[in-house]
mmCIF file of all heavy atoms, coordinates in Angstrom:
data_MODEL
# 
_entry.id   MODEL 
# 
loop_
_atom_site.group_PDB 
_atom_site.id 
_atom_site.type_symbol 
_atom_site.label_atom_id 
_atom_site.label_alt_id 
_atom_site.label_comp_id 
_atom_site.label_asym_id 
_atom_site.label_entity_id 
_atom_site.label_seq_id 
_atom_site.pdbx_PDB_ins_code 
_atom_site.Cartn_x 
_atom_site.Cartn_y 
_atom_site.Cartn_z 
_atom_site.occupancy 
_atom_site.B_iso_or_equiv 
_atom_site.pdbx_formal_charge 
_atom_site.auth_seq_id 
_atom_site.auth_comp_id 
_atom_site.auth_asym_id 
_atom_site.auth_atom_id 
_atom_site.pdbx_PDB_model_num 
ATOM 1   N N   . VAL A 1 1  ? 0.841  -1.233  0.009  1.00 0.00 ? 1  VAL A N   1 
ATOM 2   C CA  . VAL A 1 1  ? 0.005  -0.028  -0.023 1.00 0.00 ? 1  VAL A CA  1 
ATOM 3   C C   . VAL A 1 1  ? 0.898  1.249   0.002  1.00 0.00 ? 1  VAL A C   1 
ATOM 4   O O   . VAL A 1 1  ? 0.313  2.309   -0.299 1.00 0.00 ? 1  VAL A O   1 
ATOM 5   C CB  . VAL A 1 1  ? -0.987 0.003   1.196  1.00 0.00 ? 1  VAL A CB  1 
ATOM 6   C CG1 . VAL A 1 1  ? -2.026 -1.099  1.037  1.00 0.00 ? 1  VAL A CG1 1 
ATOM 7   C CG2 . VAL A 1 1  ? -0.239 -0.186  2.513  1.00 0.00 ? 1  VAL A CG2 1 
ATOM 8   N N   . SER A 1 2  ? 2.143  1.144   0.289  1.00 0.00 ? 2  SER A N   1 
ATOM 9   C CA  . SER A 1 2  ? 3.026  2.322   0.318  1.00 0.00 ? 2  SER A CA  1 
ATOM 10  C C   . SER A 1 2  ? 4.502  1.904   0.341  1.00 0.00 ? 2  SER A C   1 
ATOM 11  O O   . SER A 1 2  ? 4.757  0.731   0.819  1.00 0.00 ? 2  SER A O   1 
ATOM 12  C CB  . SER A 1 2  ? 2.709  3.168   1.504  1.00 0.00 ? 2  SER A CB  1 
ATOM 13  O OG  . SER A 1 2  ? 3.457  4.377   1.524  1.00 0.00 ? 2  SER A OG  1 
ATOM 14  N N   . THR A 1 3  ? 5.255  2.754   -0.217 1.00 0.00 ? 3  THR A N   1 
ATOM 15  C CA  . THR A 1 3  ? 6.780  2.506   -0.155 1.00 0.00 ? 3  THR A CA  1 
ATOM 16  C C   . THR A 1 3  ? 7.332  3.892   0.196  1.00 0.00 ? 3  THR A C   1 
ATOM 17  O O   . THR A 1 3  ? 6.764  4.946   0.028  1.00 0.00 ? 3  THR A O   1 
ATOM 18  C CB  . THR A 1 3  ? 7.336  2.041   -1.463 1.00 0.00 ? 3  THR A CB  1 
ATOM 19  O OG1 . THR A 1 3  ? 7.135  3.021   -2.470 1.00 0.00 ? 3  THR A OG1 1 
ATOM 20  C CG2 . THR A 1 3  ? 6.778  0.689   -1.907 1.00 0.00 ? 3  THR A CG2 1 
ATOM 21  N N   . GLY A 1 4  ? 8.626  3.843   0.776  1.00 0.00 ? 4  GLY A N   1 
ATOM 22  C CA  . GLY A 1 4  ? 9.216  5.080   1.264  1.00 0.00 ? 4  GLY A CA  1 
ATOM 23  C C   . GLY A 1 4  ? 10.157 4.791   2.393  1.00 0.00 ? 4  GLY A C   1 
ATOM 24  O O   . GLY A 1 4  ? 10.954 3.781   2.355  1.00 0.00 ? 4  GLY A O   1 
ATOM 25  N N   . THR A 1 5  ? 10.014 5.584   3.446  1.00 0.00 ? 5  THR A N   1 
ATOM 26  C CA  . THR A 1 5  ? 10.777 5.438   4.647  1.00 0.00 ? 5  THR A CA  1 
ATOM 27  C C   . THR A 1 5  ? 9.825  5.329   5.753  1.00 0.00 ? 5  THR A C   1 
ATOM 28  O O   . THR A 1 5  ? 8.581  5.684   5.608  1.00 0.00 ? 5  THR A O   1 
ATOM 29  C CB  . THR A 1 5  ? 11.798 6.591   4.884  1.00 0.00 ? 5  THR A CB  1 
ATOM 30  O OG1 . THR A 1 5  ? 10.932 7.790   5.125  1.00 0.00 ? 5  THR A OG1 1 
ATOM 31  C CG2 . THR A 1 5  ? 12.654 6.875   3.771  1.00 0.00 ? 5  THR A CG2 1 
ATOM 32  N N   . LEU A 1 6  ? 10.303 4.869   6.887  1.00 0.00 ? 6  LEU A N   1 
ATOM 33  C CA  . LEU A 1 6  ? 9.434  4.728   8.055  1.00 0.00 ? 6  LEU A CA  1 
ATOM 34  C C   . LEU A 1 6  ? 8.905  6.157   8.409  1.00 0.00 ? 6  LEU A C   1 
ATOM 35  O O   . LEU A 1 6  ? 7.707  6.344   8.822  1.00 0.00 ? 6  LEU A O   1 
ATOM 36  C CB  . LEU A 1 6  ? 10.077 4.100   9.255  1.00 0.00 ? 6  LEU A CB  1 
ATOM 37  C CG  . LEU A 1 6  ? 10.244 2.586   9.175  1.00 0.00 ? 6  LEU A CG  1 
ATOM 38  C CD1 . LEU A 1 6  ? 11.066 2.117   10.370 1.00 0.00 ? 6  LEU A CD1 1 
ATOM 39  C CD2 . LEU A 1 6  ? 8.972  1.877   9.138  1.00 0.00 ? 6  LEU A CD2 1 
ATOM 40  N N   . ALA A 1 7  ? 9.717  7.133   8.286  1.00 0.00 ? 7  ALA A N   1 
ATOM 41  C CA  . ALA A 1 7  ? 9.307  8.503   8.525  1.00 0.00 ? 7  ALA A CA  1 
ATOM 42  C C   . ALA A 1 7  ? 8.279  8.999   7.604  1.00 0.00 ? 7  ALA A C   1 
ATOM 43  O O   . ALA A 1 7  ? 7.247  9.627   7.997  1.00 0.00 ? 7  ALA A O   1 
ATOM 44  C CB  . ALA A 1 7  ? 10.523 9.398   8.572  1.00 0.00 ? 7  ALA A CB  1 
ATOM 45  N N   . SER A 1 8  ? 8.356  8.739   6.357  1.00 0.00 ? 8  SER A N   1 
ATOM 46  C CA  . SER A 1 8  ? 7.405  9.144   5.336  1.00 0.00 ? 8  SER A CA  1 
ATOM 47  C C   . SER A 1 8  ? 6.036  8.387   5.553  1.00 0.00 ? 8  SER A C   1 
ATOM 48  O O   . SER A 1 8  ? 5.045  8.957   5.163  1.00 0.00 ? 8  SER A O   1 
ATOM 49  C CB  . SER A 1 8  ? 7.883  8.960   3.917  1.00 0.00 ? 8  SER A CB  1 
ATOM 50  O OG  . SER A 1 8  ? 7.909  7.572   3.519  1.00 0.00 ? 8  SER A OG  1 
ATOM 51  N N   . MET A 1 9  ? 6.104  7.251   6.162  1.00 0.00 ? 9  MET A N   1 
ATOM 52  C CA  . MET A 1 9  ? 4.893  6.465   6.412  1.00 0.00 ? 9  MET A CA  1 
ATOM 53  C C   . MET A 1 9  ? 4.282  6.721   7.770  1.00 0.00 ? 9  MET A C   1 
ATOM 54  O O   . MET A 1 9  ? 3.244  6.136   8.069  1.00 0.00 ? 9  MET A O   1 
ATOM 55  C CB  . MET A 1 9  ? 5.190  4.994   6.227  1.00 0.00 ? 9  MET A CB  1 
ATOM 56  C CG  . MET A 1 9  ? 5.529  4.537   4.830  1.00 0.00 ? 9  MET A CG  1 
ATOM 57  S SD  . MET A 1 9  ? 5.739  2.765   4.827  1.00 0.00 ? 9  MET A SD  1 
ATOM 58  C CE  . MET A 1 9  ? 6.767  2.639   3.467  1.00 0.00 ? 9  MET A CE  1 
ATOM 59  N N   . LYS A 1 10 ? 4.913  7.625   8.550  1.00 0.00 ? 10 LYS A N   1 
ATOM 60  C CA  . LYS A 1 10 ? 4.485  7.900   9.936  1.00 0.00 ? 10 LYS A CA  1 
ATOM 61  C C   . LYS A 1 10 ? 2.950  8.221   9.935  1.00 0.00 ? 10 LYS A C   1 
ATOM 62  O O   . LYS A 1 10 ? 2.230  7.595   10.779 1.00 0.00 ? 10 LYS A O   1 
ATOM 63  C CB  . LYS A 1 10 ? 5.215  8.970   10.534 1.00 0.00 ? 10 LYS A CB  1 
ATOM 64  C CG  . LYS A 1 10 ? 4.843  9.153   12.040 1.00 0.00 ? 10 LYS A CG  1 
ATOM 65  C CD  . LYS A 1 10 ? 5.861  10.030  12.728 1.00 0.00 ? 10 LYS A CD  1 
ATOM 66  C CE  . LYS A 1 10 ? 5.535  10.318  14.181 1.00 0.00 ? 10 LYS A CE  1 
ATOM 67  N NZ  . LYS A 1 10 ? 4.538  9.502   14.814 1.00 0.00 ? 10 LYS A NZ  1 
ATOM 68  N N   . PRO A 1 11 ? 2.321  9.018   9.117  1.00 0.00 ? 11 PRO A N   1 
ATOM 69  C CA  . PRO A 1 11 ? 0.976  9.247   9.176  1.00 0.00 ? 11 PRO A CA  1 
ATOM 70  C C   . PRO A 1 11 ? 0.066  8.075   9.013  1.00 0.00 ? 11 PRO A C   1 
ATOM 71  O O   . PRO A 1 11 ? -0.912 7.804   9.675  1.00 0.00 ? 11 PRO A O   1 
ATOM 72  C CB  . PRO A 1 11 ? 0.670  10.307  8.074  1.00 0.00 ? 11 PRO A CB  1 
ATOM 73  C CG  . PRO A 1 11 ? 1.996  10.942  7.843  1.00 0.00 ? 11 PRO A CG  1 
ATOM 74  C CD  . PRO A 1 11 ? 3.019  9.957   8.138  1.00 0.00 ? 11 PRO A CD  1 
ATOM 75  N N   . TRP A 1 12 ? 0.515  7.183   8.066  1.00 0.00 ? 12 TRP A N   1 
ATOM 76  C CA  . TRP A 1 12 ? -0.125 5.961   7.799  1.00 0.00 ? 12 TRP A CA  1 
ATOM 77  C C   . TRP A 1 12 ? -0.029 5.038   9.064  1.00 0.00 ? 12 TRP A C   1 
ATOM 78  O O   . TRP A 1 12 ? -0.987 4.413   9.497  1.00 0.00 ? 12 TRP A O   1 
ATOM 79  C CB  . TRP A 1 12 ? 0.393  5.273   6.642  1.00 0.00 ? 12 TRP A CB  1 
ATOM 80  C CG  . TRP A 1 12 ? -0.309 4.084   6.095  1.00 0.00 ? 12 TRP A CG  1 
ATOM 81  C CD1 . TRP A 1 12 ? -1.409 4.006   5.303  1.00 0.00 ? 12 TRP A CD1 1 
ATOM 82  C CD2 . TRP A 1 12 ? -0.017 2.709   6.472  1.00 0.00 ? 12 TRP A CD2 1 
ATOM 83  N NE1 . TRP A 1 12 ? -1.771 2.710   5.153  1.00 0.00 ? 12 TRP A NE1 1 
ATOM 84  C CE2 . TRP A 1 12 ? -0.869 1.892   5.814  1.00 0.00 ? 12 TRP A CE2 1 
ATOM 85  C CE3 . TRP A 1 12 ? 0.935  2.090   7.268  1.00 0.00 ? 12 TRP A CE3 1 
ATOM 86  C CZ2 . TRP A 1 12 ? -0.954 0.544   5.952  1.00 0.00 ? 12 TRP A CZ2 1 
ATOM 87  C CZ3 . TRP A 1 12 ? 1.016  0.734   7.407  1.00 0.00 ? 12 TRP A CZ3 1 
ATOM 88  C CH2 . TRP A 1 12 ? 0.022  -0.021  6.714  1.00 0.00 ? 12 TRP A CH2 1 
ATOM 89  N N   . LEU A 1 13 ? 1.201  4.900   9.514  1.00 0.00 ? 13 LEU A N   1 
ATOM 90  C CA  . LEU A 1 13 ? 1.465  4.042   10.693 1.00 0.00 ? 13 LEU A CA  1 
ATOM 91  C C   . LEU A 1 13 ? 0.714  4.519   11.946 1.00 0.00 ? 13 LEU A C   1 
ATOM 92  O O   . LEU A 1 13 ? 0.316  3.615   12.751 1.00 0.00 ? 13 LEU A O   1 
ATOM 93  C CB  . LEU A 1 13 ? 3.008  3.989   10.973 1.00 0.00 ? 13 LEU A CB  1 
ATOM 94  C CG  . LEU A 1 13 ? 3.870  3.365   9.841  1.00 0.00 ? 13 LEU A CG  1 
ATOM 95  C CD1 . LEU A 1 13 ? 5.360  3.483   10.180 1.00 0.00 ? 13 LEU A CD1 1 
ATOM 96  C CD2 . LEU A 1 13 ? 3.424  1.878   9.575  1.00 0.00 ? 13 LEU A CD2 1 
ATOM 97  N N   . ASP A 1 14 ? 0.614  5.785   12.113 1.00 0.00 ? 14 ASP A N   1 
ATOM 98  C CA  . ASP A 1 14 ? -0.121 6.325   13.308 1.00 0.00 ? 14 ASP A CA  1 
ATOM 99  C C   . ASP A 1 14 ? -1.578 5.953   13.234 1.00 0.00 ? 14 ASP A C   1 
ATOM 100 O O   . ASP A 1 14 ? -2.283 5.871   14.234 1.00 0.00 ? 14 ASP A O   1 
ATOM 101 C CB  . ASP A 1 14 ? -0.010 7.924   13.399 1.00 0.00 ? 14 ASP A CB  1 
ATOM 102 C CG  . ASP A 1 14 ? 1.372  8.339   13.785 1.00 0.00 ? 14 ASP A CG  1 
ATOM 103 O OD1 . ASP A 1 14 ? 2.168  7.477   14.283 1.00 0.00 ? 14 ASP A OD1 1 
ATOM 104 O OD2 . ASP A 1 14 ? 1.680  9.510   13.597 1.00 0.00 ? 14 ASP A OD2 1 
ATOM 105 N N   . GLN A 1 15 ? -2.175 5.662   12.063 1.00 0.00 ? 15 GLN A N   1 
ATOM 106 C CA  . GLN A 1 15 ? -3.556 5.374   11.974 1.00 0.00 ? 15 GLN A CA  1 
ATOM 107 C C   . GLN A 1 15 ? -3.875 3.876   12.019 1.00 0.00 ? 15 GLN A C   1 
ATOM 108 O O   . GLN A 1 15 ? -5.054 3.508   12.171 1.00 0.00 ? 15 GLN A O   1 
ATOM 109 C CB  . GLN A 1 15 ? -4.026 5.912   10.537 1.00 0.00 ? 15 GLN A CB  1 
ATOM 110 C CG  . GLN A 1 15 ? -3.995 7.402   10.367 1.00 0.00 ? 15 GLN A CG  1 
ATOM 111 C CD  . GLN A 1 15 ? -4.970 8.123   11.247 1.00 0.00 ? 15 GLN A CD  1 
ATOM 112 O OE1 . GLN A 1 15 ? -6.115 7.702   11.407 1.00 0.00 ? 15 GLN A OE1 1 
ATOM 113 N NE2 . GLN A 1 15 ? -4.507 9.141   11.846 1.00 0.00 ? 15 GLN A NE2 1 
ATOM 114 N N   . HIS A 1 16 ? -2.811 3.046   11.810 1.00 0.00 ? 16 HIS A N   1 
ATOM 115 C CA  . HIS A 1 16 ? -3.096 1.644   11.739 1.00 0.00 ? 16 HIS A CA  1 
ATOM 116 C C   . HIS A 1 16 ? -2.171 0.835   12.680 1.00 0.00 ? 16 HIS A C   1 
ATOM 117 O O   . HIS A 1 16 ? -1.045 1.195   12.859 1.00 0.00 ? 16 HIS A O   1 
ATOM 118 C CB  . HIS A 1 16 ? -2.931 1.108   10.291 1.00 0.00 ? 16 HIS A CB  1 
ATOM 119 C CG  . HIS A 1 16 ? -3.700 1.747   9.322  1.00 0.00 ? 16 HIS A CG  1 
ATOM 120 N ND1 . HIS A 1 16 ? -5.033 1.327   9.069  1.00 0.00 ? 16 HIS A ND1 1 
ATOM 121 C CD2 . HIS A 1 16 ? -3.522 2.834   8.453  1.00 0.00 ? 16 HIS A CD2 1 
ATOM 122 C CE1 . HIS A 1 16 ? -5.578 2.099   8.136  1.00 0.00 ? 16 HIS A CE1 1 
ATOM 123 N NE2 . HIS A 1 16 ? -4.724 2.967   7.733  1.00 0.00 ? 16 HIS A NE2 1 
ATOM 124 N N   . GLU A 1 17 ? -2.740 -0.231  13.188 1.00 0.00 ? 17 GLU A N   1 
ATOM 125 C CA  . GLU A 1 17 ? -1.935 -1.156  13.993 1.00 0.00 ? 17 GLU A CA  1 
ATOM 126 C C   . GLU A 1 17 ? -0.883 -1.793  13.065 1.00 0.00 ? 17 GLU A C   1 
ATOM 127 O O   . GLU A 1 17 ? -1.313 -2.121  11.931 1.00 0.00 ? 17 GLU A O   1 
ATOM 128 C CB  . GLU A 1 17 ? -2.795 -2.231  14.620 1.00 0.00 ? 17 GLU A CB  1 
ATOM 129 C CG  . GLU A 1 17 ? -2.103 -3.098  15.595 1.00 0.00 ? 17 GLU A CG  1 
ATOM 130 C CD  . GLU A 1 17 ? -3.030 -4.115  16.272 1.00 0.00 ? 17 GLU A CD  1 
ATOM 131 O OE1 . GLU A 1 17 ? -4.141 -3.730  16.635 1.00 0.00 ? 17 GLU A OE1 1 
ATOM 132 O OE2 . GLU A 1 17 ? -2.602 -5.305  16.347 1.00 0.00 ? 17 GLU A OE2 1 
ATOM 133 N N   . HIS A 1 18 ? 0.396  -1.887  13.457 1.00 0.00 ? 18 HIS A N   1 
ATOM 134 C CA  . HIS A 1 18 ? 1.366  -2.409  12.577 1.00 0.00 ? 18 HIS A CA  1 
ATOM 135 C C   . HIS A 1 18 ? 2.449  -3.130  13.326 1.00 0.00 ? 18 HIS A C   1 
ATOM 136 O O   . HIS A 1 18 ? 2.616  -2.946  14.486 1.00 0.00 ? 18 HIS A O   1 
ATOM 137 C CB  . HIS A 1 18 ? 1.867  -1.272  11.675 1.00 0.00 ? 18 HIS A CB  1 
ATOM 138 C CG  . HIS A 1 18 ? 2.574  -0.277  12.444 1.00 0.00 ? 18 HIS A CG  1 
ATOM 139 N ND1 . HIS A 1 18 ? 1.990  0.788   13.066 1.00 0.00 ? 18 HIS A ND1 1 
ATOM 140 C CD2 . HIS A 1 18 ? 3.995  -0.116  12.786 1.00 0.00 ? 18 HIS A CD2 1 
ATOM 141 C CE1 . HIS A 1 18 ? 2.841  1.522   13.770 1.00 0.00 ? 18 HIS A CE1 1 
ATOM 142 N NE2 . HIS A 1 18 ? 4.082  1.010   13.518 1.00 0.00 ? 18 HIS A NE2 1 
ATOM 143 N N   . VAL A 1 19 ? 3.201  -3.899  12.529 1.00 0.00 ? 19 VAL A N   1 
ATOM 144 C CA  . VAL A 1 19 ? 4.406  -4.528  12.988 1.00 0.00 ? 19 VAL A CA  1 
ATOM 145 C C   . VAL A 1 19 ? 5.547  -4.219  12.073 1.00 0.00 ? 19 VAL A C   1 
ATOM 146 O O   . VAL A 1 19 ? 5.364  -4.330  10.838 1.00 0.00 ? 19 VAL A O   1 
ATOM 147 C CB  . VAL A 1 19 ? 4.220  -6.072  13.073 1.00 0.00 ? 19 VAL A CB  1 
ATOM 148 C CG1 . VAL A 1 19 ? 5.529  -6.805  13.419 1.00 0.00 ? 19 VAL A CG1 1 
ATOM 149 C CG2 . VAL A 1 19 ? 3.128  -6.455  14.045 1.00 0.00 ? 19 VAL A CG2 1 
ATOM 150 N N   . VAL A 1 20 ? 6.707  -3.814  12.527 1.00 0.00 ? 20 VAL A N   1 
ATOM 151 C CA  . VAL A 1 20 ? 7.870  -3.556  11.658 1.00 0.00 ? 20 VAL A CA  1 
ATOM 152 C C   . VAL A 1 20 ? 8.661  -4.918  11.591 1.00 0.00 ? 20 VAL A C   1 
ATOM 153 O O   . VAL A 1 20 ? 9.126  -5.432  12.593 1.00 0.00 ? 20 VAL A O   1 
ATOM 154 C CB  . VAL A 1 20 ? 8.768  -2.473  12.247 1.00 0.00 ? 20 VAL A CB  1 
ATOM 155 C CG1 . VAL A 1 20 ? 9.986  -2.333  11.330 1.00 0.00 ? 20 VAL A CG1 1 
ATOM 156 C CG2 . VAL A 1 20 ? 7.937  -1.146  12.286 1.00 0.00 ? 20 VAL A CG2 1 
ATOM 157 N N   . ASP A 1 21 ? 8.664  -5.492  10.379 1.00 0.00 ? 21 ASP A N   1 
ATOM 158 C CA  . ASP A 1 21 ? 9.374  -6.718  10.102 1.00 0.00 ? 21 ASP A CA  1 
ATOM 159 C C   . ASP A 1 21 ? 10.606 -6.449  9.415  1.00 0.00 ? 21 ASP A C   1 
ATOM 160 O O   . ASP A 1 21 ? 10.658 -5.904  8.275  1.00 0.00 ? 21 ASP A O   1 
ATOM 161 C CB  . ASP A 1 21 ? 8.464  -7.647  9.197  1.00 0.00 ? 21 ASP A CB  1 
ATOM 162 C CG  . ASP A 1 21 ? 9.023  -8.927  8.814  1.00 0.00 ? 21 ASP A CG  1 
ATOM 163 O OD1 . ASP A 1 21 ? 10.252 -9.147  9.067  1.00 0.00 ? 21 ASP A OD1 1 
ATOM 164 O OD2 . ASP A 1 21 ? 8.288  -9.854  8.357  1.00 0.00 ? 21 ASP A OD2 1 
ATOM 165 N N   . ARG A 1 22 ? 11.735 -6.702  10.024 1.00 0.00 ? 22 ARG A N   1 
ATOM 166 C CA  . ARG A 1 22 ? 13.075 -6.413  9.467  1.00 0.00 ? 22 ARG A CA  1 
ATOM 167 C C   . ARG A 1 22 ? 13.655 -7.581  8.775  1.00 0.00 ? 22 ARG A C   1 
ATOM 168 O O   . ARG A 1 22 ? 14.947 -7.640  8.441  1.00 0.00 ? 22 ARG A O   1 
ATOM 169 C CB  . ARG A 1 22 ? 13.956 -5.818  10.539 1.00 0.00 ? 22 ARG A CB  1 
ATOM 170 C CG  . ARG A 1 22 ? 13.404 -4.564  11.121 1.00 0.00 ? 22 ARG A CG  1 
ATOM 171 C CD  . ARG A 1 22 ? 14.454 -3.901  12.083 1.00 0.00 ? 22 ARG A CD  1 
ATOM 172 N NE  . ARG A 1 22 ? 13.912 -2.697  12.692 1.00 0.00 ? 22 ARG A NE  1 
ATOM 173 C CZ  . ARG A 1 22 ? 13.868 -1.488  12.116 1.00 0.00 ? 22 ARG A CZ  1 
ATOM 174 N NH1 . ARG A 1 22 ? 14.351 -1.371  10.873 1.00 0.00 ? 22 ARG A NH1 1 
ATOM 175 N NH2 . ARG A 1 22 ? 13.411 -0.459  12.771 1.00 0.00 ? 22 ARG A NH2 1 
ATOM 176 N N   . THR A 1 23 ? 12.898 -8.577  8.373  1.00 0.00 ? 23 THR A N   1 
ATOM 177 C CA  . THR A 1 23 ? 13.457 -9.773  7.711  1.00 0.00 ? 23 THR A CA  1 
ATOM 178 C C   . THR A 1 23 ? 14.154 -9.475  6.509  1.00 0.00 ? 23 THR A C   1 
ATOM 179 O O   . THR A 1 23 ? 15.208 -10.071 6.124  1.00 0.00 ? 23 THR A O   1 
ATOM 180 C CB  . THR A 1 23 ? 12.282 -10.711 7.370  1.00 0.00 ? 23 THR A CB  1 
ATOM 181 O OG1 . THR A 1 23 ? 11.504 -10.949 8.530  1.00 0.00 ? 23 THR A OG1 1 
ATOM 182 C CG2 . THR A 1 23 ? 12.743 -12.027 6.824  1.00 0.00 ? 23 THR A CG2 1 
ATOM 183 N N   . LEU A 1 24 ? 13.769 -8.434  5.730  1.00 0.00 ? 24 LEU A N   1 
ATOM 184 C CA  . LEU A 1 24 ? 14.426 -8.197  4.393  1.00 0.00 ? 24 LEU A CA  1 
ATOM 185 C C   . LEU A 1 24 ? 15.294 -6.988  4.504  1.00 0.00 ? 24 LEU A C   1 
ATOM 186 O O   . LEU A 1 24 ? 15.773 -6.427  3.498  1.00 0.00 ? 24 LEU A O   1 
ATOM 187 C CB  . LEU A 1 24 ? 13.346 -8.004  3.372  1.00 0.00 ? 24 LEU A CB  1 
ATOM 188 C CG  . LEU A 1 24 ? 12.462 -9.251  3.074  1.00 0.00 ? 24 LEU A CG  1 
ATOM 189 C CD1 . LEU A 1 24 ? 11.300 -8.910  2.130  1.00 0.00 ? 24 LEU A CD1 1 
ATOM 190 C CD2 . LEU A 1 24 ? 13.275 -10.370 2.602  1.00 0.00 ? 24 LEU A CD2 1 
ATOM 191 N N   . GLU A 1 25 ? 15.588 -6.445  5.663  1.00 0.00 ? 25 GLU A N   1 
ATOM 192 C CA  . GLU A 1 25 ? 16.423 -5.331  5.819  1.00 0.00 ? 25 GLU A CA  1 
ATOM 193 C C   . GLU A 1 25 ? 17.757 -5.558  5.244  1.00 0.00 ? 25 GLU A C   1 
ATOM 194 O O   . GLU A 1 25 ? 18.396 -6.670  5.365  1.00 0.00 ? 25 GLU A O   1 
ATOM 195 C CB  . GLU A 1 25 ? 16.585 -4.993  7.394  1.00 0.00 ? 25 GLU A CB  1 
ATOM 196 C CG  . GLU A 1 25 ? 17.323 -3.656  7.555  1.00 0.00 ? 25 GLU A CG  1 
ATOM 197 C CD  . GLU A 1 25 ? 17.301 -3.316  9.119  1.00 0.00 ? 25 GLU A CD  1 
ATOM 198 O OE1 . GLU A 1 25 ? 17.233 -4.203  10.005 1.00 0.00 ? 25 GLU A OE1 1 
ATOM 199 O OE2 . GLU A 1 25 ? 17.193 -2.082  9.303  1.00 0.00 ? 25 GLU A OE2 1 
ATOM 200 N N   . GLY A 1 26 ? 18.295 -4.622  4.469  1.00 0.00 ? 26 GLY A N   1 
ATOM 201 C CA  . GLY A 1 26 ? 19.585 -4.740  3.786  1.00 0.00 ? 26 GLY A CA  1 
ATOM 202 C C   . GLY A 1 26 ? 19.517 -5.570  2.428  1.00 0.00 ? 26 GLY A C   1 
ATOM 203 O O   . GLY A 1 26 ? 20.529 -5.787  1.819  1.00 0.00 ? 26 GLY A O   1 
ATOM 204 N N   . LYS A 1 27 ? 18.316 -6.014  2.102  1.00 0.00 ? 27 LYS A N   1 
ATOM 205 C CA  . LYS A 1 27 ? 18.142 -6.749  0.888  1.00 0.00 ? 27 LYS A CA  1 
ATOM 206 C C   . LYS A 1 27 ? 17.455 -5.871  -0.201 1.00 0.00 ? 27 LYS A C   1 
ATOM 207 O O   . LYS A 1 27 ? 17.010 -4.849  -0.004 1.00 0.00 ? 27 LYS A O   1 
ATOM 208 C CB  . LYS A 1 27 ? 17.208 -7.980  1.106  1.00 0.00 ? 27 LYS A CB  1 
ATOM 209 C CG  . LYS A 1 27 ? 17.580 -8.859  2.280  1.00 0.00 ? 27 LYS A CG  1 
ATOM 210 C CD  . LYS A 1 27 ? 18.476 -9.971  1.804  1.00 0.00 ? 27 LYS A CD  1 
ATOM 211 C CE  . LYS A 1 27 ? 18.629 -10.944 2.985  1.00 0.00 ? 27 LYS A CE  1 
ATOM 212 N NZ  . LYS A 1 27 ? 19.892 -11.218 3.306  1.00 0.00 ? 27 LYS A NZ  1 
ATOM 213 N N   . VAL A 1 28 ? 17.508 -6.332  -1.459 1.00 0.00 ? 28 VAL A N   1 
ATOM 214 C CA  . VAL A 1 28 ? 16.880 -5.718  -2.554 1.00 0.00 ? 28 VAL A CA  1 
ATOM 215 C C   . VAL A 1 28 ? 15.692 -6.422  -2.895 1.00 0.00 ? 28 VAL A C   1 
ATOM 216 O O   . VAL A 1 28 ? 15.642 -7.641  -3.010 1.00 0.00 ? 28 VAL A O   1 
ATOM 217 C CB  . VAL A 1 28 ? 17.828 -5.640  -3.757 1.00 0.00 ? 28 VAL A CB  1 
ATOM 218 C CG1 . VAL A 1 28 ? 17.123 -5.028  -4.989 1.00 0.00 ? 28 VAL A CG1 1 
ATOM 219 C CG2 . VAL A 1 28 ? 19.065 -4.809  -3.477 1.00 0.00 ? 28 VAL A CG2 1 
ATOM 220 N N   . ILE A 1 29 ? 14.550 -5.743  -2.969 1.00 0.00 ? 29 ILE A N   1 
ATOM 221 C CA  . ILE A 1 29 ? 13.251 -6.295  -3.310 1.00 0.00 ? 29 ILE A CA  1 
ATOM 222 C C   . ILE A 1 29 ? 12.863 -5.772  -4.754 1.00 0.00 ? 29 ILE A C   1 
ATOM 223 O O   . ILE A 1 29 ? 12.897 -4.537  -4.955 1.00 0.00 ? 29 ILE A O   1 
ATOM 224 C CB  . ILE A 1 29 ? 12.180 -5.946  -2.295 1.00 0.00 ? 29 ILE A CB  1 
ATOM 225 C CG1 . ILE A 1 29 ? 12.535 -6.424  -0.916 1.00 0.00 ? 29 ILE A CG1 1 
ATOM 226 C CG2 . ILE A 1 29 ? 10.864 -6.633  -2.716 1.00 0.00 ? 29 ILE A CG2 1 
ATOM 227 C CD1 . ILE A 1 29 ? 11.571 -5.852  0.124  1.00 0.00 ? 29 ILE A CD1 1 
ATOM 228 N N   . LEU A 1 30 ? 12.549 -6.634  -5.635 1.00 0.00 ? 30 LEU A N   1 
ATOM 229 C CA  . LEU A 1 30 ? 12.099 -6.230  -6.967 1.00 0.00 ? 30 LEU A CA  1 
ATOM 230 C C   . LEU A 1 30 ? 10.593 -6.573  -7.044 1.00 0.00 ? 30 LEU A C   1 
ATOM 231 O O   . LEU A 1 30 ? 10.204 -7.648  -6.618 1.00 0.00 ? 30 LEU A O   1 
ATOM 232 C CB  . LEU A 1 30 ? 12.851 -6.920  -8.073 1.00 0.00 ? 30 LEU A CB  1 
ATOM 233 C CG  . LEU A 1 30 ? 14.290 -6.560  -8.273 1.00 0.00 ? 30 LEU A CG  1 
ATOM 234 C CD1 . LEU A 1 30 ? 14.880 -7.456  -9.277 1.00 0.00 ? 30 LEU A CD1 1 
ATOM 235 C CD2 . LEU A 1 30 ? 14.355 -5.146  -8.764 1.00 0.00 ? 30 LEU A CD2 1 
ATOM 236 N N   . PRO A 1 31 ? 9.762  -5.695  -7.547 1.00 0.00 ? 31 PRO A N   1 
ATOM 237 C CA  . PRO A 1 31 ? 8.365  -6.078  -7.669 1.00 0.00 ? 31 PRO A CA  1 
ATOM 238 C C   . PRO A 1 31 ? 8.134  -7.146  -8.763 1.00 0.00 ? 31 PRO A C   1 
ATOM 239 O O   . PRO A 1 31 ? 8.883  -7.179  -9.715 1.00 0.00 ? 31 PRO A O   1 
ATOM 240 C CB  . PRO A 1 31 ? 7.685  -4.678  -8.169 1.00 0.00 ? 31 PRO A CB  1 
ATOM 241 C CG  . PRO A 1 31 ? 8.844  -4.014  -8.799 1.00 0.00 ? 31 PRO A CG  1 
ATOM 242 C CD  . PRO A 1 31 ? 10.080 -4.343  -8.081 1.00 0.00 ? 31 PRO A CD  1 
# 
């Protein structure tokens, strides 16, 4: 539903319950 940074998603994150999953941190994801 969105891409960017955690800071850019703050308004969205403030509105919804969420979990930060760092499984792919440091990896490249291609759509």
